[in-house]
Amino acid sequence: MSQVNELVAFLLANPLFLVPILFAAAMIFFAILKKLLKLAAVAAIATALYVLLVEYFGAGI
């Protein structure tokens, strides 16, 4: 565990190394968030279409 503490201390002491790491982490987080939002949009559209189809054929929910 001390290696992790040493690494964190080194990065905090040298912000020049910290900036690219934070930038890469932000890009990964944004990519994951974008995929989750796309998945949620597709699920919402599919649910709306299913509800419309069921209502159209009169089966009820």
PDB file of N, CA and C in Angstrom:
ATOM      1  N   MET A   1       0.819  -1.190   0.000  1.00  0.00           N
ATOM      2  CA  MET A   1       0.000   0.000   0.000  1.00  0.00           C
ATOM      3  C   MET A   1       0.864   1.257   0.000  1.00  0.00           C
ATOM      4  N   SER A   2       2.089   1.139   0.483  1.00  0.00           N
ATOM      5  CA  SER A   2       2.954   2.311   0.542  1.00  0.00           C
ATOM      6  C   SER A   2       3.362   2.768  -0.851  1.00  0.00           C
ATOM      7  N   GLN A   3       3.400   1.830  -1.819  1.00  0.00           N
ATOM      8  CA  GLN A   3       3.728   2.220  -3.188  1.00  0.00           C
ATOM      9  C   GLN A   3       2.657   3.145  -3.757  1.00  0.00           C
ATOM     10  N   VAL A   4       1.415   2.871  -3.427  1.00  0.00           N
ATOM     11  CA  VAL A   4       0.320   3.722  -3.887  1.00  0.00           C
ATOM     12  C   VAL A   4       0.447   5.103  -3.254  1.00  0.00           C
ATOM     13  N   ASN A   5       0.761   5.137  -1.972  1.00  0.00           N
ATOM     14  CA  ASN A   5       0.933   6.422  -1.281  1.00  0.00           C
ATOM     15  C   ASN A   5       2.095   7.211  -1.881  1.00  0.00           C
ATOM     16  N   GLU A   6       3.170   6.504  -2.219  1.00  0.00           N
ATOM     17  CA  GLU A   6       4.322   7.178  -2.829  1.00  0.00           C
ATOM     18  C   GLU A   6       3.965   7.730  -4.200  1.00  0.00           C
ATOM     19  N   LEU A   7       3.209   6.965  -4.958  1.00  0.00           N
ATOM     20  CA  LEU A   7       2.794   7.413  -6.291  1.00  0.00           C
ATOM     21  C   LEU A   7       1.896   8.647  -6.188  1.00  0.00           C
ATOM     22  N   VAL A   8       0.946   8.626  -5.278  1.00  0.00           N
ATOM     23  CA  VAL A   8       0.052   9.771  -5.088  1.00  0.00           C
ATOM     24  C   VAL A   8       0.852  10.993  -4.638  1.00  0.00           C
ATOM     25  N   ALA A   9       1.778  10.788  -3.739  1.00  0.00           N
ATOM     26  CA  ALA A   9       2.605  11.907  -3.275  1.00  0.00           C
ATOM     27  C   ALA A   9       3.447  12.472  -4.421  1.00  0.00           C
ATOM     28  N   PHE A  10       3.985  11.583  -5.250  1.00  0.00           N
ATOM     29  CA  PHE A  10       4.787  12.036  -6.396  1.00  0.00           C
ATOM     30  C   PHE A  10       3.935  12.844  -7.374  1.00  0.00           C
ATOM     31  N   LEU A  11       2.737  12.352  -7.661  1.00  0.00           N
ATOM     32  CA  LEU A  11       1.861  13.052  -8.606  1.00  0.00           C
ATOM     33  C   LEU A  11       1.402  14.396  -8.056  1.00  0.00           C
ATOM     34  N   LEU A  12       1.132  14.452  -6.769  1.00  0.00           N
ATOM     35  CA  LEU A  12       0.722  15.725  -6.175  1.00  0.00           C
ATOM     36  C   LEU A  12       1.876  16.720  -6.120  1.00  0.00           C
ATOM     37  N   ALA A  13       3.091  16.205  -5.994  1.00  0.00           N
ATOM     38  CA  ALA A  13       4.253  17.087  -5.961  1.00  0.00           C
ATOM     39  C   ALA A  13       4.616  17.591  -7.363  1.00  0.00           C
ATOM     40  N   ASN A  14       4.237  16.809  -8.387  1.00  0.00           N
ATOM     41  CA  ASN A  14       4.562  17.167  -9.772  1.00  0.00           C
ATOM     42  C   ASN A  14       3.273  17.242 -10.596  1.00  0.00           C
ATOM     43  N   PRO A  15       2.583  18.356 -10.576  1.00  0.00           N
ATOM     44  CA  PRO A  15       1.293  18.442 -11.275  1.00  0.00           C
ATOM     45  C   PRO A  15       1.419  18.307 -12.789  1.00  0.00           C
ATOM     46  N   LEU A  16       2.634  18.460 -13.321  1.00  0.00           N
ATOM     47  CA  LEU A  16       2.822  18.302 -14.762  1.00  0.00           C
ATOM     48  C   LEU A  16       2.499  16.875 -15.197  1.00  0.00           C
ATOM     49  N   PHE A  17       2.766  15.894 -14.333  1.00  0.00           N
ATOM     50  CA  PHE A  17       2.437  14.505 -14.632  1.00  0.00           C
ATOM     51  C   PHE A  17       0.972  14.204 -14.332  1.00  0.00           C
ATOM     52  N   LEU A  18       0.393  14.963 -13.437  1.00  0.00           N
ATOM     53  CA  LEU A  18      -0.982  14.714 -13.010  1.00  0.00           C
ATOM     54  C   LEU A  18      -2.000  15.146 -14.064  1.00  0.00           C
ATOM     55  N   VAL A  19      -1.708  16.210 -14.807  1.00  0.00           N
ATOM     56  CA  VAL A  19      -2.660  16.751 -15.781  1.00  0.00           C
ATOM     57  C   VAL A  19      -3.017  15.740 -16.872  1.00  0.00           C
ATOM     58  N   PRO A  20      -2.050  15.077 -17.536  1.00  0.00           N
ATOM     59  CA  PRO A  20      -2.443  14.107 -18.571  1.00  0.00           C
ATOM     60  C   PRO A  20      -3.221  12.911 -18.021  1.00  0.00           C
ATOM     61  N   ILE A  21      -2.879  12.500 -16.792  1.00  0.00           N
ATOM     62  CA  ILE A  21      -3.594  11.377 -16.194  1.00  0.00           C
ATOM     63  C   ILE A  21      -5.044  11.758 -15.918  1.00  0.00           C
ATOM     64  N   LEU A  22      -5.257  12.953 -15.381  1.00  0.00           N
ATOM     65  CA  LEU A  22      -6.630  13.412 -15.130  1.00  0.00           C
ATOM     66  C   LEU A  22      -7.395  13.619 -16.429  1.00  0.00           C
ATOM     67  N   PHE A  23      -6.707  14.101 -17.464  1.00  0.00           N
ATOM     68  CA  PHE A  23      -7.351  14.286 -18.760  1.00  0.00           C
ATOM     69  C   PHE A  23      -7.788  12.941 -19.345  1.00  0.00           C
ATOM     70  N   ALA A  24      -6.930  11.938 -19.269  1.00  0.00           N
ATOM     71  CA  ALA A  24      -7.278  10.597 -19.774  1.00  0.00           C
ATOM     72  C   ALA A  24      -8.437  10.005 -18.975  1.00  0.00           C
ATOM     73  N   ALA A  25      -8.425  10.190 -17.660  1.00  0.00           N
ATOM     74  CA  ALA A  25      -9.507   9.669 -16.824  1.00  0.00           C
ATOM     75  C   ALA A  25     -10.829  10.364 -17.157  1.00  0.00           C
ATOM     76  N   ALA A  26     -10.781  11.664 -17.419  1.00  0.00           N
ATOM     77  CA  ALA A  26     -11.992  12.395 -17.786  1.00  0.00           C
ATOM     78  C   ALA A  26     -12.523  11.922 -19.139  1.00  0.00           C
ATOM     79  N   MET A  27     -11.622  11.648 -20.079  1.00  0.00           N
ATOM     80  CA  MET A  27     -12.063  11.160 -21.391  1.00  0.00           C
ATOM     81  C   MET A  27     -12.719   9.787 -21.276  1.00  0.00           C
ATOM     82  N   ILE A  28     -12.158   8.909 -20.459  1.00  0.00           N
ATOM     83  CA  ILE A  28     -12.742   7.573 -20.255  1.00  0.00           C
ATOM     84  C   ILE A  28     -14.106   7.696 -19.590  1.00  0.00           C
ATOM     85  N   PHE A  29     -14.210   8.550 -18.573  1.00  0.00           N
ATOM     86  CA  PHE A  29     -15.485   8.754 -17.879  1.00  0.00           C
ATOM     87  C   PHE A  29     -16.541   9.297 -18.843  1.00  0.00           C
ATOM     88  N   PHE A  30     -16.156  10.267 -19.679  1.00  0.00           N
ATOM     89  CA  PHE A  30     -17.091  10.847 -20.635  1.00  0.00           C
ATOM     90  C   PHE A  30     -17.545   9.813 -21.663  1.00  0.00           C
ATOM     91  N   ALA A  31     -16.642   8.954 -22.124  1.00  0.00           N
ATOM     92  CA  ALA A  31     -16.995   7.921 -23.096  1.00  0.00           C
ATOM     93  C   ALA A  31     -17.990   6.928 -22.498  1.00  0.00           C
ATOM     94  N   ILE A  32     -17.767   6.533 -21.258  1.00  0.00           N
ATOM     95  CA  ILE A  32     -18.692   5.602 -20.598  1.00  0.00           C
ATOM     96  C   ILE A  32     -20.050   6.263 -20.397  1.00  0.00           C
ATOM     97  N   LEU A  33     -20.045   7.530 -19.970  1.00  0.00           N
ATOM     98  CA  LEU A  33     -21.297   8.249 -19.768  1.00  0.00           C
ATOM     99  C   LEU A  33     -22.071   8.387 -21.079  1.00  0.00           C
ATOM    100  N   LYS A  34     -21.359   8.653 -22.176  1.00  0.00           N
ATOM    101  CA  LYS A  34     -22.006   8.787 -23.475  1.00  0.00           C
ATOM    102  C   LYS A  34     -22.669   7.470 -23.897  1.00  0.00           C
ATOM    103  N   LYS A  35     -21.977   6.365 -23.688  1.00  0.00           N
ATOM    104  CA  LYS A  35     -22.553   5.063 -24.042  1.00  0.00           C
ATOM    105  C   LYS A  35     -23.785   4.758 -23.195  1.00  0.00           C
ATOM    106  N   LEU A  36     -23.733   5.093 -21.907  1.00  0.00           N
ATOM    107  CA  LEU A  36     -24.887   4.846 -21.042  1.00  0.00           C
ATOM    108  C   LEU A  36     -26.078   5.706 -21.448  1.00  0.00           C
ATOM    109  N   LEU A  37     -25.829   6.944 -21.846  1.00  0.00           N
ATOM    110  CA  LEU A  37     -26.919   7.810 -22.294  1.00  0.00           C
ATOM    111  C   LEU A  37     -27.533   7.294 -23.594  1.00  0.00           C
ATOM    112  N   LYS A  38     -26.704   6.798 -24.503  1.00  0.00           N
ATOM    113  CA  LYS A  38     -27.230   6.215 -25.743  1.00  0.00           C
ATOM    114  C   LYS A  38     -28.075   4.984 -25.441  1.00  0.00           C
ATOM    115  N   LEU A  39     -27.607   4.148 -24.527  1.00  0.00           N
ATOM    116  CA  LEU A  39     -28.357   2.952 -24.145  1.00  0.00           C
ATOM    117  C   LEU A  39     -29.695   3.332 -23.519  1.00  0.00           C
ATOM    118  N   ALA A  40     -29.703   4.359 -22.687  1.00  0.00           N
ATOM    119  CA  ALA A  40     -30.945   4.811 -22.057  1.00  0.00           C
ATOM    120  C   ALA A  40     -31.902   5.371 -23.101  1.00  0.00           C
ATOM    121  N   ALA A  41     -31.388   6.084 -24.095  1.00  0.00           N
ATOM    122  CA  ALA A  41     -32.242   6.639 -25.151  1.00  0.00           C
ATOM    123  C   ALA A  41     -32.863   5.518 -25.979  1.00  0.00           C
ATOM    124  N   VAL A  42     -32.080   4.517 -26.322  1.00  0.00           N
ATOM    125  CA  VAL A  42     -32.601   3.383 -27.102  1.00  0.00           C
ATOM    126  C   VAL A  42     -33.655   2.628 -26.295  1.00  0.00           C
ATOM    127  N   ALA A  43     -33.403   2.437 -25.007  1.00  0.00           N
ATOM    128  CA  ALA A  43     -34.374   1.747 -24.154  1.00  0.00           C
ATOM    129  C   ALA A  43     -35.666   2.548 -24.036  1.00  0.00           C
ATOM    130  N   ALA A  44     -35.580   3.864 -23.928  1.00  0.00           N
ATOM    131  CA  ALA A  44     -36.776   4.697 -23.827  1.00  0.00           C
ATOM    132  C   ALA A  44     -37.578   4.648 -25.130  1.00  0.00           C
ATOM    133  N   ILE A  45     -36.895   4.695 -26.269  1.00  0.00           N
ATOM    134  CA  ILE A  45     -37.588   4.623 -27.559  1.00  0.00           C
ATOM    135  C   ILE A  45     -38.252   3.266 -27.729  1.00  0.00           C
ATOM    136  N   ALA A  46     -37.538   2.202 -27.366  1.00  0.00           N
ATOM    137  CA  ALA A  46     -38.111   0.856 -27.488  1.00  0.00           C
ATOM    138  C   ALA A  46     -39.327   0.698 -26.580  1.00  0.00           C
ATOM    139  N   THR A  47     -39.261   1.241 -25.379  1.00  0.00           N
ATOM    140  CA  THR A  47     -40.395   1.154 -24.455  1.00  0.00           C
ATOM    141  C   THR A  47     -41.592   1.936 -24.990  1.00  0.00           C
ATOM    142  N   ALA A  48     -41.343   3.130 -25.520  1.00  0.00           N
ATOM    143  CA  ALA A  48     -42.436   3.929 -26.069  1.00  0.00           C
ATOM    144  C   ALA A  48     -43.078   3.221 -27.271  1.00  0.00           C
ATOM    145  N   LEU A  49     -42.244   2.650 -28.137  1.00  0.00           N
ATOM    146  CA  LEU A  49     -42.800   1.929 -29.284  1.00  0.00           C
ATOM    147  C   LEU A  49     -43.598   0.707 -28.846  1.00  0.00           C
ATOM    148  N   TYR A  50     -43.126   0.001 -27.817  1.00  0.00           N
ATOM    149  CA  TYR A  50     -43.852  -1.162 -27.316  1.00  0.00           C
ATOM    150  C   TYR A  50     -45.213  -0.749 -26.754  1.00  0.00           C
ATOM    151  N   VAL A  51     -45.235   0.332 -25.977  1.00  0.00           N
ATOM    152  CA  VAL A  51     -46.496   0.805 -25.398  1.00  0.00           C
ATOM    153  C   VAL A  51     -47.458   1.218 -26.509  1.00  0.00           C
ATOM    154  N   LEU A  52     -46.967   1.930 -27.521  1.00  0.00           N
ATOM    155  CA  LEU A  52     -47.820   2.325 -28.638  1.00  0.00           C
ATOM    156  C   LEU A  52     -48.359   1.119 -29.394  1.00  0.00           C
ATOM    157  N   LEU A  53     -47.504   0.107 -29.585  1.00  0.00           N
ATOM    158  CA  LEU A  53     -47.944  -1.093 -30.299  1.00  0.00           C
ATOM    159  C   LEU A  53     -49.013  -1.841 -29.517  1.00  0.00           C
ATOM    160  N   VAL A  54     -48.814  -1.967 -28.219  1.00  0.00           N
ATOM    161  CA  VAL A  54     -49.798  -2.677 -27.380  1.00  0.00           C
ATOM    162  C   VAL A  54     -51.112  -1.905 -27.351  1.00  0.00           C
ATOM    163  N   GLU A  55     -51.053  -0.583 -27.247  1.00  0.00           N
ATOM    164  CA  GLU A  55     -52.272   0.226 -27.241  1.00  0.00           C
ATOM    165  C   GLU A  55     -52.986   0.158 -28.596  1.00  0.00           C
ATOM    166  N   TYR A  56     -52.232   0.125 -29.667  1.00  0.00           N
ATOM    167  CA  TYR A  56     -52.822   0.085 -31.002  1.00  0.00           C
ATOM    168  C   TYR A  56     -53.585  -1.206 -31.225  1.00  0.00           C
ATOM    169  N   PHE A  57     -53.029  -2.331 -30.780  1.00  0.00           N
ATOM    170  CA  PHE A  57     -53.709  -3.594 -30.967  1.00  0.00           C
ATOM    171  C   PHE A  57     -54.715  -3.899 -29.863  1.00  0.00           C
ATOM    172  N   GLY A  58     -54.829  -3.026 -28.872  1.00  0.00           N
ATOM    173  CA  GLY A  58     -55.875  -3.137 -27.867  1.00  0.00           C
ATOM    174  C   GLY A  58     -55.667  -4.182 -26.803  1.00  0.00           C
ATOM    175  N   ALA A  59     -54.470  -4.688 -26.654  1.00  0.00           N
ATOM    176  CA  ALA A  59     -54.245  -5.730 -25.645  1.00  0.00           C
ATOM    177  C   ALA A  59     -54.192  -5.123 -24.242  1.00  0.00           C
ATOM    178  N   GLY A  60     -53.842  -3.850 -24.135  1.00  0.00           N
ATOM    179  CA  GLY A  60     -53.733  -3.213 -22.826  1.00  0.00           C
ATOM    180  C   GLY A  60     -52.450  -3.620 -22.144  1.00  0.00           C
ATOM    181  N   ILE A  61     -52.053  -2.822 -21.176  1.00  0.00           N
ATOM    182  CA  ILE A  61     -50.795  -3.136 -20.461  1.00  0.00           C
ATOM    183  C   ILE A  61     -51.116  -3.790 -19.140  1.00  0.00           C
TER     184      ILE A  61
END
